[in-house]
Amino acid sequence: MTSATLSCSQETCKQKRYHLERLSYQALCAQLEKCETCENGLFKTNLVATRTHQIIALYWAQIHNTFTGKAIGN
């Protein structure tokens, strides 16, 4: 993977990984969409953006599954 330029700084991108539990479901959805559309899919080629997207997407899926009743263990 190459290290392309992010629309936000790499440090800002990294910070978006933390404290996701403080976001509302709507804010989490909005953040996930921002990451997915960052520089037309840059999250696929930038290591920092890729990791941030993975963390946010996984957390979003866990919350989404809880809302839809598909949580693990149910």
Protein backbone atom coordinates (compact mmCIF):
# COMPACT_ATOMS: atom_id res chain seq x y z
CA MET A 1 0.00 0.00 0.00
CA THR A 2 1.16 3.49 -0.73
CA SER A 3 0.91 6.43 1.60
CA ALA A 4 -1.33 8.92 -0.22
CA THR A 5 -2.42 12.28 1.14
CA LEU A 6 -5.50 12.34 3.38
CA SER A 7 -8.08 15.14 3.43
CA CYS A 8 -7.38 15.37 7.17
CA SER A 9 -3.96 14.97 8.75
CA GLN A 10 -2.76 11.47 9.58
CA GLU A 11 -2.87 12.33 13.29
CA THR A 12 -6.48 13.54 12.97
CA CYS A 13 -7.33 10.35 11.11
CA LYS A 14 -5.78 8.26 13.89
CA GLN A 15 -7.70 10.20 16.56
CA LYS A 16 -11.00 9.25 14.91
CA ARG A 17 -10.34 5.64 16.00
CA TYR A 18 -10.67 6.46 19.68
CA HIS A 19 -13.69 7.07 21.91
CA LEU A 20 -16.14 5.71 19.35
CA GLU A 21 -18.42 4.69 22.22
CA ARG A 22 -19.06 8.39 22.86
CA LEU A 23 -20.63 8.85 19.42
CA SER A 24 -24.33 8.45 18.81
CA TYR A 25 -25.35 5.88 16.21
CA GLN A 26 -26.11 8.69 13.75
CA ALA A 27 -22.71 10.34 14.35
CA LEU A 28 -21.00 6.97 13.94
CA CYS A 29 -22.80 6.43 10.62
CA ALA A 30 -21.74 9.90 9.48
CA GLN A 31 -18.12 9.28 10.45
CA LEU A 32 -18.06 5.94 8.64
CA GLU A 33 -19.44 7.60 5.52
CA LYS A 34 -16.80 10.36 5.76
CA CYS A 35 -14.06 7.74 5.97
CA GLU A 36 -15.46 5.78 3.04
CA THR A 37 -15.60 8.87 0.84
CA CYS A 38 -12.26 10.34 1.98
CA GLU A 39 -10.50 11.50 -1.16
CA ASN A 40 -12.59 9.14 -3.32
CA GLY A 41 -11.74 5.94 -1.48
CA LEU A 42 -8.27 6.81 -0.23
CA PHE A 43 -8.93 4.56 2.76
CA LYS A 44 -8.15 1.66 0.43
CA THR A 45 -4.56 2.79 -0.26
CA ASN A 46 -3.39 4.68 2.83
CA LEU A 47 -2.32 2.55 5.81
CA VAL A 48 -3.52 5.01 8.47
CA ALA A 49 -6.84 5.56 6.73
CA THR A 50 -7.29 1.83 6.15
CA ARG A 51 -6.81 1.00 9.83
CA THR A 52 -9.07 3.85 10.94
CA HIS A 53 -11.79 2.71 8.53
CA GLN A 54 -11.52 -0.90 9.74
CA ILE A 55 -11.89 0.09 13.38
CA ILE A 56 -14.85 2.41 12.74
CA ALA A 57 -16.57 -0.09 10.43
CA LEU A 58 -16.20 -2.93 12.93
CA TYR A 59 -17.58 -0.83 15.77
CA TRP A 60 -20.45 0.38 13.55
CA ALA A 61 -21.28 -3.25 12.67
CA GLN A 62 -21.38 -4.23 16.33
CA ILE A 63 -23.75 -1.37 17.17
CA HIS A 64 -25.87 -1.99 14.07
CA ASN A 65 -26.21 -5.68 14.91
CA THR A 66 -27.29 -4.78 18.43
CA PHE A 67 -30.03 -2.54 17.00
CA THR A 68 -31.20 -5.18 14.54
CA GLY A 69 -31.15 -8.01 17.07
CA LYS A 70 -28.31 -9.86 15.37
CA ALA A 71 -25.82 -9.35 18.18
CA ILE A 72 -23.42 -12.18 18.94
CA GLY A 73 -24.85 -14.49 21.57
CA ASN A 74 -28.51 -13.75 20.78
